[in-house]
Amino acid sequence: MEYGLIGLAAGLGAGLVTMGAAMGIGKITAAAAEATGRQPEAANDIRTTALIMSALIEGVALFCAVTCFLLQGALASM
């Protein structure tokens, strides 16, 4: 088995997870800003929903990043 490819996959996976989370949170923020501009009276509800959705995305990204780092740690012990 190619151990170098496992390390490359773990590093690439961590980078892709970070990019995906950043893009998702960026889209949420853009939509929240637009919605607040259209309905300023609902700003608190929009902000709360945006924060919850961002936290869910960050949670998934954290689990994926930890998995990639565990793969790298397992690779180092081989």
PDB file of N, CA and C in Angstrom:
ATOM      1  N   MET A   1       0.844  -1.182   0.000  1.00  0.00           N
ATOM      2  CA  MET A   1       0.000   0.000   0.000  1.00  0.00           C
ATOM      3  C   MET A   1       0.884   1.239   0.000  1.00  0.00           C
ATOM      4  N   GLU A   2       0.476   2.235  -0.745  1.00  0.00           N
ATOM      5  CA  GLU A   2       1.243   3.470  -0.852  1.00  0.00           C
ATOM      6  C   GLU A   2       0.916   4.391   0.319  1.00  0.00           C
ATOM      7  N   TYR A   3       1.853   4.487   1.253  1.00  0.00           N
ATOM      8  CA  TYR A   3       1.615   5.328   2.422  1.00  0.00           C
ATOM      9  C   TYR A   3       1.680   6.810   2.068  1.00  0.00           C
ATOM     10  N   GLY A   4       2.434   7.161   1.051  1.00  0.00           N
ATOM     11  CA  GLY A   4       2.507   8.555   0.624  1.00  0.00           C
ATOM     12  C   GLY A   4       1.164   9.058   0.121  1.00  0.00           C
ATOM     13  N   LEU A   5       0.435   8.188  -0.552  1.00  0.00           N
ATOM     14  CA  LEU A   5      -0.876   8.583  -1.060  1.00  0.00           C
ATOM     15  C   LEU A   5      -1.879   8.788   0.067  1.00  0.00           C
ATOM     16  N   ILE A   6      -1.735   8.030   1.145  1.00  0.00           N
ATOM     17  CA  ILE A   6      -2.626   8.221   2.296  1.00  0.00           C
ATOM     18  C   ILE A   6      -2.382   9.593   2.912  1.00  0.00           C
ATOM     19  N   GLY A   7      -1.113   9.959   3.052  1.00  0.00           N
ATOM     20  CA  GLY A   7      -0.783  11.282   3.588  1.00  0.00           C
ATOM     21  C   GLY A   7      -1.273  12.394   2.685  1.00  0.00           C
ATOM     22  N   LEU A   8      -1.115  12.208   1.371  1.00  0.00           N
ATOM     23  CA  LEU A   8      -1.593  13.200   0.414  1.00  0.00           C
ATOM     24  C   LEU A   8      -3.111  13.327   0.484  1.00  0.00           C
ATOM     25  N   ALA A   9      -3.799  12.199   0.582  1.00  0.00           N
ATOM     26  CA  ALA A   9      -5.261  12.224   0.664  1.00  0.00           C
ATOM     27  C   ALA A   9      -5.738  12.901   1.942  1.00  0.00           C
ATOM     28  N   ALA A  10      -5.043  12.657   3.052  1.00  0.00           N
ATOM     29  CA  ALA A  10      -5.438  13.283   4.316  1.00  0.00           C
ATOM     30  C   ALA A  10      -5.238  14.791   4.255  1.00  0.00           C
ATOM     31  N   GLY A  11      -4.114  15.227   3.718  1.00  0.00           N
ATOM     32  CA  GLY A  11      -3.863  16.665   3.598  1.00  0.00           C
ATOM     33  C   GLY A  11      -4.822  17.336   2.633  1.00  0.00           C
ATOM     34  N   LEU A  12      -5.065  16.693   1.507  1.00  0.00           N
ATOM     35  CA  LEU A  12      -5.994  17.234   0.525  1.00  0.00           C
ATOM     36  C   LEU A  12      -7.410  17.267   1.087  1.00  0.00           C
ATOM     37  N   GLY A  13      -7.777  16.237   1.833  1.00  0.00           N
ATOM     38  CA  GLY A  13      -9.110  16.200   2.448  1.00  0.00           C
ATOM     39  C   GLY A  13      -9.313  17.328   3.435  1.00  0.00           C
ATOM     40  N   ALA A  14      -8.293  17.608   4.248  1.00  0.00           N
ATOM     41  CA  ALA A  14      -8.411  18.705   5.216  1.00  0.00           C
ATOM     42  C   ALA A  14      -8.568  20.041   4.499  1.00  0.00           C
ATOM     43  N   GLY A  15      -7.836  20.224   3.411  1.00  0.00           N
ATOM     44  CA  GLY A  15      -7.953  21.466   2.647  1.00  0.00           C
ATOM     45  C   GLY A  15      -9.311  21.619   1.992  1.00  0.00           C
ATOM     46  N   LEU A  16      -9.816  20.546   1.419  1.00  0.00           N
ATOM     47  CA  LEU A  16     -11.129  20.602   0.771  1.00  0.00           C
ATOM     48  C   LEU A  16     -12.246  20.839   1.776  1.00  0.00           C
ATOM     49  N   VAL A  17     -12.123  20.252   2.945  1.00  0.00           N
ATOM     50  CA  VAL A  17     -13.116  20.481   4.001  1.00  0.00           C
ATOM     51  C   VAL A  17     -13.135  21.954   4.388  1.00  0.00           C
ATOM     52  N   THR A  18     -11.962  22.537   4.530  1.00  0.00           N
ATOM     53  CA  THR A  18     -11.876  23.948   4.899  1.00  0.00           C
ATOM     54  C   THR A  18     -12.485  24.835   3.820  1.00  0.00           C
ATOM     55  N   MET A  19     -12.179  24.535   2.561  1.00  0.00           N
ATOM     56  CA  MET A  19     -12.738  25.333   1.468  1.00  0.00           C
ATOM     57  C   MET A  19     -14.258  25.195   1.397  1.00  0.00           C
ATOM     58  N   GLY A  20     -14.755  23.982   1.561  1.00  0.00           N
ATOM     59  CA  GLY A  20     -16.199  23.767   1.514  1.00  0.00           C
ATOM     60  C   GLY A  20     -16.933  24.484   2.633  1.00  0.00           C
ATOM     61  N   ALA A  21     -16.369  24.435   3.834  1.00  0.00           N
ATOM     62  CA  ALA A  21     -16.992  25.125   4.967  1.00  0.00           C
ATOM     63  C   ALA A  21     -16.975  26.631   4.751  1.00  0.00           C
ATOM     64  N   ALA A  22     -15.871  27.151   4.237  1.00  0.00           N
ATOM     65  CA  ALA A  22     -15.782  28.594   3.993  1.00  0.00           C
ATOM     66  C   ALA A  22     -16.795  29.038   2.945  1.00  0.00           C
ATOM     67  N   MET A  23     -16.949  28.253   1.890  1.00  0.00           N
ATOM     68  CA  MET A  23     -17.922  28.607   0.857  1.00  0.00           C
ATOM     69  C   MET A  23     -19.348  28.536   1.393  1.00  0.00           C
ATOM     70  N   GLY A  24     -19.645  27.517   2.189  1.00  0.00           N
ATOM     71  CA  GLY A  24     -20.987  27.387   2.758  1.00  0.00           C
ATOM     72  C   GLY A  24     -21.334  28.522   3.699  1.00  0.00           C
ATOM     73  N   ILE A  25     -20.398  28.871   4.564  1.00  0.00           N
ATOM     74  CA  ILE A  25     -20.647  29.961   5.508  1.00  0.00           C
ATOM     75  C   ILE A  25     -20.729  31.289   4.768  1.00  0.00           C
ATOM     76  N   GLY A  26     -19.951  31.446   3.708  1.00  0.00           N
ATOM     77  CA  GLY A  26     -20.035  32.665   2.902  1.00  0.00           C
ATOM     78  C   GLY A  26     -21.400  32.826   2.252  1.00  0.00           C
ATOM     79  N   LYS A  27     -21.942  31.728   1.744  1.00  0.00           N
ATOM     80  CA  LYS A  27     -23.279  31.790   1.134  1.00  0.00           C
ATOM     81  C   LYS A  27     -24.348  32.099   2.177  1.00  0.00           C
ATOM     82  N   ILE A  28     -24.217  31.512   3.358  1.00  0.00           N
ATOM     83  CA  ILE A  28     -25.175  31.797   4.430  1.00  0.00           C
ATOM     84  C   ILE A  28     -25.116  33.267   4.817  1.00  0.00           C
ATOM     85  N   THR A  29     -23.908  33.791   4.949  1.00  0.00           N
ATOM     86  CA  THR A  29     -23.747  35.190   5.341  1.00  0.00           C
ATOM     87  C   THR A  29     -24.305  36.126   4.279  1.00  0.00           C
ATOM     88  N   ALA A  30     -24.053  35.821   3.009  1.00  0.00           N
ATOM     89  CA  ALA A  30     -24.578  36.658   1.932  1.00  0.00           C
ATOM     90  C   ALA A  30     -26.104  36.644   1.921  1.00  0.00           C
ATOM     91  N   ALA A  31     -26.687  35.466   2.098  1.00  0.00           N
ATOM     92  CA  ALA A  31     -28.148  35.365   2.114  1.00  0.00           C
ATOM     93  C   ALA A  31     -28.737  36.077   3.327  1.00  0.00           C
ATOM     94  N   ALA A  32     -28.062  35.986   4.474  1.00  0.00           N
ATOM     95  CA  ALA A  32     -28.554  36.663   5.676  1.00  0.00           C
ATOM     96  C   ALA A  32     -28.475  38.177   5.515  1.00  0.00           C
ATOM     97  N   ALA A  33     -27.397  38.666   4.905  1.00  0.00           N
ATOM     98  CA  ALA A  33     -27.277  40.109   4.690  1.00  0.00           C
ATOM     99  C   ALA A  33     -28.352  40.611   3.728  1.00  0.00           C
ATOM    100  N   GLU A  34     -28.611  39.843   2.677  1.00  0.00           N
ATOM    101  CA  GLU A  34     -29.654  40.229   1.734  1.00  0.00           C
ATOM    102  C   GLU A  34     -31.032  40.200   2.393  1.00  0.00           C
ATOM    103  N   ALA A  35     -31.303  39.170   3.181  1.00  0.00           N
ATOM    104  CA  ALA A  35     -32.601  39.067   3.853  1.00  0.00           C
ATOM    105  C   ALA A  35     -32.787  40.185   4.872  1.00  0.00           C
ATOM    106  N   THR A  36     -31.709  40.550   5.561  1.00  0.00           N
ATOM    107  CA  THR A  36     -31.805  41.649   6.527  1.00  0.00           C
ATOM    108  C   THR A  36     -32.063  42.966   5.813  1.00  0.00           C
ATOM    109  N   GLY A  37     -31.473  43.129   4.638  1.00  0.00           N
ATOM    110  CA  GLY A  37     -31.725  44.337   3.855  1.00  0.00           C
ATOM    111  C   GLY A  37     -33.162  44.423   3.380  1.00  0.00           C
ATOM    112  N   ARG A  38     -33.756  43.286   3.066  1.00  0.00           N
ATOM    113  CA  ARG A  38     -35.141  43.278   2.597  1.00  0.00           C
ATOM    114  C   ARG A  38     -36.139  43.436   3.745  1.00  0.00           C
ATOM    115  N   GLN A  39     -35.836  42.830   4.900  1.00  0.00           N
ATOM    116  CA  GLN A  39     -36.734  42.901   6.056  1.00  0.00           C
ATOM    117  C   GLN A  39     -35.931  43.229   7.309  1.00  0.00           C
ATOM    118  N   PRO A  40     -35.639  44.489   7.537  1.00  0.00           N
ATOM    119  CA  PRO A  40     -34.831  44.857   8.711  1.00  0.00           C
ATOM    120  C   PRO A  40     -35.491  44.493  10.040  1.00  0.00           C
ATOM    121  N   GLU A  41     -36.804  44.414  10.068  1.00  0.00           N
ATOM    122  CA  GLU A  41     -37.491  44.103  11.327  1.00  0.00           C
ATOM    123  C   GLU A  41     -37.283  42.644  11.745  1.00  0.00           C
ATOM    124  N   ALA A  42     -36.873  41.792  10.826  1.00  0.00           N
ATOM    125  CA  ALA A  42     -36.642  40.380  11.139  1.00  0.00           C
ATOM    126  C   ALA A  42     -35.156  40.068  11.308  1.00  0.00           C
ATOM    127  N   ALA A  43     -34.355  41.087  11.565  1.00  0.00           N
ATOM    128  CA  ALA A  43     -32.898  40.914  11.626  1.00  0.00           C
ATOM    129  C   ALA A  43     -32.477  39.933  12.719  1.00  0.00           C
ATOM    130  N   ASN A  44     -33.119  39.983  13.878  1.00  0.00           N
ATOM    131  CA  ASN A  44     -32.733  39.081  14.972  1.00  0.00           C
ATOM    132  C   ASN A  44     -32.999  37.614  14.629  1.00  0.00           C
ATOM    133  N   ASP A  45     -34.155  37.345  14.026  1.00  0.00           N
ATOM    134  CA  ASP A  45     -34.473  35.969  13.634  1.00  0.00           C
ATOM    135  C   ASP A  45     -33.527  35.476  12.541  1.00  0.00           C
ATOM    136  N   ILE A  46     -33.227  36.349  11.592  1.00  0.00           N
ATOM    137  CA  ILE A  46     -32.321  35.981  10.501  1.00  0.00           C
ATOM    138  C   ILE A  46     -30.927  35.702  11.049  1.00  0.00           C
ATOM    139  N   ARG A  47     -30.467  36.545  11.963  1.00  0.00           N
ATOM    140  CA  ARG A  47     -29.135  36.368  12.546  1.00  0.00           C
ATOM    141  C   ARG A  47     -29.053  35.053  13.318  1.00  0.00           C
ATOM    142  N   THR A  48     -30.095  34.751  14.082  1.00  0.00           N
ATOM    143  CA  THR A  48     -30.109  33.505  14.852  1.00  0.00           C
ATOM    144  C   THR A  48     -30.056  32.289  13.933  1.00  0.00           C
ATOM    145  N   THR A  49     -30.863  32.303  12.890  1.00  0.00           N
ATOM    146  CA  THR A  49     -30.872  31.189  11.945  1.00  0.00           C
ATOM    147  C   THR A  49     -29.526  31.050  11.247  1.00  0.00           C
ATOM    148  N   ALA A  50     -28.927  32.162  10.852  1.00  0.00           N
ATOM    149  CA  ALA A  50     -27.627  32.119  10.174  1.00  0.00           C
ATOM    150  C   ALA A  50     -26.543  31.571  11.095  1.00  0.00           C
ATOM    151  N   LEU A  51     -26.576  31.952  12.364  1.00  0.00           N
ATOM    152  CA  LEU A  51     -25.578  31.447  13.305  1.00  0.00           C
ATOM    153  C   LEU A  51     -25.732  29.941  13.539  1.00  0.00           C
ATOM    154  N   ILE A  52     -26.967  29.475  13.640  1.00  0.00           N
ATOM    155  CA  ILE A  52     -27.205  28.041  13.838  1.00  0.00           C
ATOM    156  C   ILE A  52     -26.724  27.250  12.623  1.00  0.00           C
ATOM    157  N   MET A  53     -27.045  27.727  11.427  1.00  0.00           N
ATOM    158  CA  MET A  53     -26.615  27.027  10.217  1.00  0.00           C
ATOM    159  C   MET A  53     -25.099  27.042  10.078  1.00  0.00           C
ATOM    160  N   SER A  54     -24.465  28.150  10.417  1.00  0.00           N
ATOM    161  CA  SER A  54     -23.001  28.227  10.361  1.00  0.00           C
ATOM    162  C   SER A  54     -22.367  27.270  11.360  1.00  0.00           C
ATOM    163  N   ALA A  55     -22.955  27.160  12.533  1.00  0.00           N
ATOM    164  CA  ALA A  55     -22.422  26.235  13.536  1.00  0.00           C
ATOM    165  C   ALA A  55     -22.552  24.787  13.074  1.00  0.00           C
ATOM    166  N   LEU A  56     -23.645  24.452  12.399  1.00  0.00           N
ATOM    167  CA  LEU A  56     -23.803  23.091  11.882  1.00  0.00           C
ATOM    168  C   LEU A  56     -22.755  22.780  10.815  1.00  0.00           C
ATOM    169  N   ILE A  57     -22.493  23.740   9.941  1.00  0.00           N
ATOM    170  CA  ILE A  57     -21.467  23.540   8.916  1.00  0.00           C
ATOM    171  C   ILE A  57     -20.098  23.388   9.560  1.00  0.00           C
ATOM    172  N   GLU A  58     -19.802  24.222  10.540  1.00  0.00           N
ATOM    173  CA  GLU A  58     -18.505  24.133  11.221  1.00  0.00           C
ATOM    174  C   GLU A  58     -18.361  22.806  11.959  1.00  0.00           C
ATOM    175  N   GLY A  59     -19.453  22.285  12.505  1.00  0.00           N
ATOM    176  CA  GLY A  59     -19.394  20.998  13.192  1.00  0.00           C
ATOM    177  C   GLY A  59     -19.022  19.872  12.246  1.00  0.00           C
ATOM    178  N   VAL A  60     -19.641  19.847  11.082  1.00  0.00           N
ATOM    179  CA  VAL A  60     -19.315  18.824  10.087  1.00  0.00           C
ATOM    180  C   VAL A  60     -17.871  18.989   9.624  1.00  0.00           C
ATOM    181  N   ALA A  61     -17.458  20.232   9.397  1.00  0.00           N
ATOM    182  CA  ALA A  61     -16.082  20.488   8.966  1.00  0.00           C
ATOM    183  C   ALA A  61     -15.085  20.059  10.035  1.00  0.00           C
ATOM    184  N   LEU A  62     -15.418  20.270  11.282  1.00  0.00           N
ATOM    185  CA  LEU A  62     -14.523  19.874  12.367  1.00  0.00           C
ATOM    186  C   LEU A  62     -14.363  18.356  12.417  1.00  0.00           C
ATOM    187  N   PHE A  63     -15.467  17.624  12.290  1.00  0.00           N
ATOM    188  CA  PHE A  63     -15.382  16.164  12.294  1.00  0.00           C
ATOM    189  C   PHE A  63     -14.543  15.655  11.123  1.00  0.00           C
ATOM    190  N   CYS A  64     -14.727  16.240   9.958  1.00  0.00           N
ATOM    191  CA  CYS A  64     -13.951  15.814   8.790  1.00  0.00           C
ATOM    192  C   CYS A  64     -12.475  16.147   8.956  1.00  0.00           C
ATOM    193  N   ALA A  65     -12.165  17.325   9.471  1.00  0.00           N
ATOM    194  CA  ALA A  65     -10.769  17.705   9.672  1.00  0.00           C
ATOM    195  C   ALA A  65     -10.105  16.806  10.712  1.00  0.00           C
ATOM    196  N   VAL A  66     -10.814  16.483  11.774  1.00  0.00           N
ATOM    197  CA  VAL A  66     -10.257  15.586  12.792  1.00  0.00           C
ATOM    198  C   VAL A  66      -9.992  14.206  12.188  1.00  0.00           C
ATOM    199  N   THR A  67     -10.886  13.734  11.337  1.00  0.00           N
ATOM    200  CA  THR A  67     -10.671  12.452  10.676  1.00  0.00           C
ATOM    201  C   THR A  67      -9.412  12.485   9.814  1.00  0.00           C
ATOM    202  N   CYS A  68      -9.205  13.572   9.081  1.00  0.00           N
ATOM    203  CA  CYS A  68      -8.000  13.698   8.259  1.00  0.00           C
ATOM    204  C   CYS A  68      -6.749  13.732   9.122  1.00  0.00           C
ATOM    205  N   PHE A  69      -6.797  14.439  10.238  1.00  0.00           N
ATOM    206  CA  PHE A  69      -5.631  14.505  11.115  1.00  0.00           C
ATOM    207  C   PHE A  69      -5.359  13.156  11.778  1.00  0.00           C
ATOM    208  N   LEU A  70      -6.412  12.413  12.092  1.00  0.00           N
ATOM    209  CA  LEU A  70      -6.220  11.072  12.644  1.00  0.00           C
ATOM    210  C   LEU A  70      -5.584  10.139  11.612  1.00  0.00           C
ATOM    211  N   LEU A  71      -5.970  10.297  10.356  1.00  0.00           N
ATOM    212  CA  LEU A  71      -5.335   9.512   9.300  1.00  0.00           C
ATOM    213  C   LEU A  71      -3.849   9.824   9.207  1.00  0.00           C
ATOM    214  N   GLN A  72      -3.508  11.110   9.314  1.00  0.00           N
ATOM    215  CA  GLN A  72      -2.093  11.483   9.266  1.00  0.00           C
ATOM    216  C   GLN A  72      -1.352  10.936  10.479  1.00  0.00           C
ATOM    217  N   GLY A  73      -1.977  10.953  11.645  1.00  0.00           N
ATOM    218  CA  GLY A  73      -1.343  10.421  12.846  1.00  0.00           C
ATOM    219  C   GLY A  73      -1.140   8.921  12.757  1.00  0.00           C
ATOM    220  N   ALA A  74      -2.123   8.223  12.197  1.00  0.00           N
ATOM    221  CA  ALA A  74      -1.987   6.777  12.021  1.00  0.00           C
ATOM    222  C   ALA A  74      -0.899   6.465  11.005  1.00  0.00           C
ATOM    223  N   LEU A  75      -0.773   7.324  10.017  1.00  0.00           N
ATOM    224  CA  LEU A  75       0.258   7.131   9.005  1.00  0.00           C
ATOM    225  C   LEU A  75       1.649   7.326   9.597  1.00  0.00           C
ATOM    226  N   ALA A  76       1.784   8.282  10.511  1.00  0.00           N
ATOM    227  CA  ALA A  76       3.086   8.551  11.117  1.00  0.00           C
ATOM    228  C   ALA A  76       3.543   7.389  11.993  1.00  0.00           C
ATOM    229  N   SER A  77       2.600   6.643  12.552  1.00  0.00           N
ATOM    230  CA  SER A  77       2.980   5.532  13.428  1.00  0.00           C
ATOM    231  C   SER A  77       3.277   4.245  12.652  1.00  0.00           C
ATOM    232  N   MET A  78       3.065   4.249  11.342  1.00  0.00           N
ATOM    233  CA  MET A  78       3.324   3.042  10.534  1.00  0.00           C
ATOM    234  C   MET A  78       4.797   2.910  10.220  1.00  0.00           C
TER     235      MET A  78
END
